Amino acid sequence: MLMKFSIEQRHLTDTAGKPLPRDADVSFHVCEAVSAGEAVSLYARDTGAEVIGDVLKFPGFHAMATMRNAGGVYTLQVSPASASLRLTPW
């Protein structure tokens, strides 16, 4: 059964490997997957990234991972999404 997951992506280093300031780029994404680990894998694949190390899985369908792509290194925090993407007319 597919679940909807929210993915917080936090930019850690630039392409040269230098740390970014504390207020660096943070973005949020939504993904549908069977598990939090699969959500990480699908998101990494869709963004042309590779997961560095293991995906840390926590109770309640939560996970954390580190990934790298051409733009630098990022931390991903995955949690179940409770909001629906459907728009309802007023």
N, C-alpha and C. Protein backbone atom coordinates (compact mmCIF):
# COMPACT_ATOMS: atom_id res chain seq x y z
N MET A 1 0.84 -1.18 0.00
CA MET A 1 0.00 0.00 0.00
C MET A 1 0.89 1.24 0.00
N LEU A 2 0.61 2.15 -0.91
CA LEU A 2 1.40 3.38 -0.99
C LEU A 2 0.99 4.37 0.09
N MET A 3 1.99 5.03 0.65
CA MET A 3 1.78 6.10 1.64
C MET A 3 2.38 7.37 1.07
N LYS A 4 1.89 8.50 1.54
CA LYS A 4 2.43 9.79 1.14
C LYS A 4 3.46 10.22 2.19
N PHE A 5 4.66 10.60 1.74
CA PHE A 5 5.72 11.03 2.64
C PHE A 5 6.14 12.46 2.32
N SER A 6 6.48 13.19 3.37
CA SER A 6 7.04 14.53 3.25
C SER A 6 8.55 14.40 3.39
N ILE A 7 9.29 15.03 2.49
CA ILE A 7 10.76 14.96 2.52
C ILE A 7 11.29 16.38 2.69
N GLU A 8 12.03 16.58 3.78
CA GLU A 8 12.73 17.85 4.01
C GLU A 8 14.16 17.66 3.53
N GLN A 9 14.58 18.49 2.60
CA GLN A 9 15.93 18.42 2.04
C GLN A 9 16.71 19.64 2.51
N ARG A 10 17.80 19.41 3.22
CA ARG A 10 18.62 20.50 3.75
C ARG A 10 20.00 20.43 3.09
N HIS A 11 20.39 21.51 2.43
CA HIS A 11 21.67 21.61 1.73
C HIS A 11 22.80 21.78 2.75
N LEU A 12 23.78 20.85 2.75
CA LEU A 12 24.87 20.89 3.72
C LEU A 12 26.16 21.48 3.19
N THR A 13 26.59 21.03 2.00
CA THR A 13 27.84 21.52 1.44
C THR A 13 27.66 21.89 -0.03
N ASP A 14 28.56 22.74 -0.50
CA ASP A 14 28.51 23.12 -1.91
C ASP A 14 29.26 22.09 -2.74
N THR A 15 29.44 22.37 -4.03
CA THR A 15 30.08 21.41 -4.93
C THR A 15 31.55 21.20 -4.59
N ALA A 16 32.17 22.15 -3.91
CA ALA A 16 33.57 22.01 -3.51
C ALA A 16 33.72 21.31 -2.16
N GLY A 17 32.59 20.96 -1.53
CA GLY A 17 32.63 20.27 -0.24
C GLY A 17 32.71 21.21 0.95
N LYS A 18 32.55 22.50 0.73
CA LYS A 18 32.61 23.47 1.83
C LYS A 18 31.24 23.62 2.48
N PRO A 19 31.20 23.70 3.81
CA PRO A 19 29.91 23.85 4.52
C PRO A 19 29.20 25.14 4.12
N LEU A 20 27.89 25.05 4.09
CA LEU A 20 27.06 26.22 3.79
C LEU A 20 26.65 26.90 5.09
N PRO A 21 26.26 28.18 5.04
CA PRO A 21 25.82 28.86 6.26
C PRO A 21 24.57 28.20 6.85
N ARG A 22 24.29 28.48 8.12
CA ARG A 22 23.15 27.88 8.82
C ARG A 22 21.81 28.11 8.10
N ASP A 23 21.67 29.25 7.46
CA ASP A 23 20.42 29.57 6.78
C ASP A 23 20.42 29.09 5.33
N ALA A 24 21.14 28.00 5.08
CA ALA A 24 21.25 27.47 3.72
C ALA A 24 19.90 26.94 3.22
N ASP A 25 19.89 26.64 1.98
CA ASP A 25 18.69 26.19 1.27
C ASP A 25 18.02 24.99 1.93
N VAL A 26 16.73 25.12 2.21
CA VAL A 26 15.90 24.03 2.70
C VAL A 26 14.68 23.95 1.79
N SER A 27 14.36 22.74 1.34
CA SER A 27 13.18 22.58 0.49
C SER A 27 12.37 21.39 0.95
N PHE A 28 11.11 21.37 0.57
CA PHE A 28 10.19 20.31 0.98
C PHE A 28 9.56 19.68 -0.25
N HIS A 29 9.41 18.37 -0.21
CA HIS A 29 8.89 17.61 -1.33
C HIS A 29 7.91 16.56 -0.82
N VAL A 30 7.08 16.05 -1.69
CA VAL A 30 6.14 14.98 -1.34
C VAL A 30 6.39 13.81 -2.28
N CYS A 31 6.33 12.61 -1.71
CA CYS A 31 6.60 11.40 -2.47
C CYS A 31 5.65 10.30 -2.01
N GLU A 32 5.24 9.43 -2.91
CA GLU A 32 4.44 8.27 -2.55
C GLU A 32 5.31 7.03 -2.64
N ALA A 33 5.32 6.23 -1.57
CA ALA A 33 6.14 5.01 -1.52
C ALA A 33 5.54 4.04 -0.51
N VAL A 34 6.06 2.83 -0.51
CA VAL A 34 5.61 1.79 0.42
C VAL A 34 6.19 2.01 1.81
N SER A 35 7.42 2.56 1.86
CA SER A 35 8.10 2.76 3.15
C SER A 35 8.93 4.04 3.08
N ALA A 36 9.39 4.49 4.25
CA ALA A 36 10.23 5.69 4.30
C ALA A 36 11.56 5.44 3.57
N GLY A 37 12.10 4.24 3.71
CA GLY A 37 13.35 3.90 3.02
C GLY A 37 13.19 3.94 1.51
N GLU A 38 12.06 3.44 1.03
CA GLU A 38 11.80 3.48 -0.40
C GLU A 38 11.59 4.92 -0.87
N ALA A 39 10.97 5.77 -0.04
CA ALA A 39 10.79 7.18 -0.38
C ALA A 39 12.15 7.85 -0.60
N VAL A 40 13.13 7.53 0.26
CA VAL A 40 14.48 8.08 0.10
C VAL A 40 15.07 7.62 -1.23
N SER A 41 14.97 6.33 -1.52
CA SER A 41 15.53 5.78 -2.76
C SER A 41 14.88 6.40 -4.00
N LEU A 42 13.56 6.52 -3.98
CA LEU A 42 12.85 7.10 -5.12
C LEU A 42 13.22 8.57 -5.32
N TYR A 43 13.30 9.32 -4.22
CA TYR A 43 13.64 10.74 -4.32
C TYR A 43 15.08 10.91 -4.83
N ALA A 44 16.00 10.10 -4.31
CA ALA A 44 17.39 10.19 -4.78
C ALA A 44 17.46 9.87 -6.28
N ARG A 45 16.77 8.84 -6.71
CA ARG A 45 16.76 8.47 -8.13
C ARG A 45 16.19 9.59 -8.98
N ASP A 46 15.06 10.16 -8.54
CA ASP A 46 14.39 11.20 -9.31
C ASP A 46 15.21 12.49 -9.41
N THR A 47 16.10 12.72 -8.46
CA THR A 47 16.92 13.95 -8.47
C THR A 47 18.33 13.69 -8.96
N GLY A 48 18.61 12.49 -9.45
CA GLY A 48 19.93 12.16 -9.97
C GLY A 48 21.00 12.13 -8.90
N ALA A 49 20.62 11.70 -7.69
CA ALA A 49 21.55 11.69 -6.56
C ALA A 49 21.88 10.26 -6.15
N GLU A 50 22.87 10.14 -5.30
CA GLU A 50 23.19 8.85 -4.70
C GLU A 50 23.13 8.99 -3.19
N VAL A 51 22.62 7.96 -2.53
CA VAL A 51 22.54 7.95 -1.08
C VAL A 51 23.92 7.59 -0.54
N ILE A 52 24.39 8.37 0.43
CA ILE A 52 25.69 8.13 1.06
C ILE A 52 25.43 7.40 2.37
N GLY A 53 25.99 6.21 2.52
CA GLY A 53 25.81 5.45 3.75
C GLY A 53 24.44 4.79 3.81
N ASP A 54 24.00 4.51 5.02
CA ASP A 54 22.73 3.82 5.24
C ASP A 54 21.59 4.80 5.44
N VAL A 55 20.40 4.33 5.13
CA VAL A 55 19.18 5.08 5.45
C VAL A 55 18.82 4.70 6.88
N LEU A 56 18.78 5.68 7.78
CA LEU A 56 18.43 5.42 9.17
C LEU A 56 16.92 5.43 9.30
N LYS A 57 16.36 4.29 9.71
CA LYS A 57 14.90 4.17 9.83
C LYS A 57 14.51 4.24 11.30
N PHE A 58 13.43 4.96 11.57
CA PHE A 58 12.93 5.15 12.92
C PHE A 58 11.48 4.68 12.99
N PRO A 59 10.98 4.40 14.20
CA PRO A 59 9.58 3.98 14.33
C PRO A 59 8.62 5.05 13.78
N GLY A 60 7.47 4.59 13.33
CA GLY A 60 6.46 5.52 12.83
C GLY A 60 6.70 5.97 11.41
N PHE A 61 7.40 5.17 10.60
CA PHE A 61 7.64 5.48 9.19
C PHE A 61 8.47 6.75 9.00
N HIS A 62 9.45 6.96 9.85
CA HIS A 62 10.38 8.10 9.72
C HIS A 62 11.74 7.57 9.27
N ALA A 63 12.49 8.41 8.57
CA ALA A 63 13.84 8.03 8.14
C ALA A 63 14.68 9.27 7.93
N MET A 64 15.99 9.07 8.00
CA MET A 64 16.96 10.13 7.69
C MET A 64 18.03 9.52 6.79
N ALA A 65 18.54 10.35 5.88
CA ALA A 65 19.58 9.89 4.97
C ALA A 65 20.40 11.08 4.50
N THR A 66 21.57 10.78 3.98
CA THR A 66 22.42 11.79 3.37
C THR A 66 22.58 11.41 1.90
N MET A 67 22.46 12.39 1.02
CA MET A 67 22.63 12.12 -0.40
C MET A 67 23.53 13.17 -1.03
N ARG A 68 24.09 12.78 -2.20
CA ARG A 68 24.99 13.69 -2.93
C ARG A 68 24.55 13.71 -4.39
N ASN A 69 24.53 14.92 -4.96
CA ASN A 69 24.32 15.07 -6.39
C ASN A 69 25.25 16.17 -6.90
N ALA A 70 25.06 16.61 -8.12
CA ALA A 70 25.95 17.61 -8.71
C ALA A 70 25.93 18.94 -7.95
N GLY A 71 24.86 19.22 -7.19
CA GLY A 71 24.74 20.48 -6.46
C GLY A 71 25.38 20.47 -5.09
N GLY A 72 25.79 19.31 -4.58
CA GLY A 72 26.41 19.23 -3.25
C GLY A 72 25.89 18.05 -2.46
N VAL A 73 25.97 18.19 -1.13
CA VAL A 73 25.54 17.13 -0.21
C VAL A 73 24.34 17.64 0.58
N TYR A 74 23.36 16.77 0.78
CA TYR A 74 22.11 17.13 1.42
C TYR A 74 21.73 16.11 2.49
N THR A 75 21.00 16.56 3.49
CA THR A 75 20.37 15.66 4.46
C THR A 75 18.89 15.60 4.12
N LEU A 76 18.35 14.38 4.17
CA LEU A 76 16.92 14.19 3.95
C LEU A 76 16.28 13.70 5.23
N GLN A 77 15.17 14.30 5.60
CA GLN A 77 14.37 13.82 6.72
C GLN A 77 13.00 13.47 6.15
N VAL A 78 12.61 12.22 6.33
CA VAL A 78 11.37 11.71 5.75
C VAL A 78 10.38 11.39 6.85
N SER A 79 9.14 11.83 6.67
CA SER A 79 8.09 11.52 7.64
C SER A 79 6.77 11.39 6.90
N PRO A 80 5.80 10.67 7.50
CA PRO A 80 4.50 10.53 6.84
C PRO A 80 3.84 11.89 6.64
N ALA A 81 3.24 12.07 5.48
CA ALA A 81 2.53 13.32 5.19
C ALA A 81 1.06 13.12 5.51
N SER A 82 0.51 14.04 6.24
CA SER A 82 -0.90 13.92 6.61
C SER A 82 -1.81 14.74 5.72
N ALA A 83 -1.24 15.68 5.01
CA ALA A 83 -2.07 16.56 4.18
C ALA A 83 -2.31 15.93 2.81
N SER A 84 -3.45 16.20 2.27
CA SER A 84 -3.78 15.74 0.93
C SER A 84 -3.40 16.83 -0.07
N LEU A 85 -3.04 16.43 -1.27
CA LEU A 85 -2.69 17.40 -2.29
C LEU A 85 -3.90 17.84 -3.10
N ARG A 86 -5.07 17.32 -2.79
CA ARG A 86 -6.28 17.67 -3.53
C ARG A 86 -6.75 19.09 -3.19
N LEU A 87 -7.20 19.78 -4.20
CA LEU A 87 -7.77 21.11 -3.99
C LEU A 87 -9.28 20.97 -3.92
N THR A 88 -9.88 21.64 -2.96
CA THR A 88 -11.33 21.59 -2.84
C THR A 88 -11.89 22.96 -3.16
N PRO A 89 -12.96 23.01 -3.96
CA PRO A 89 -13.54 24.31 -4.30
C PRO A 89 -14.26 24.91 -3.08
N TRP A 90 -14.30 26.20 -3.03
CA TRP A 90 -14.95 26.89 -1.90
C TRP A 90 -16.39 26.91 -2.10
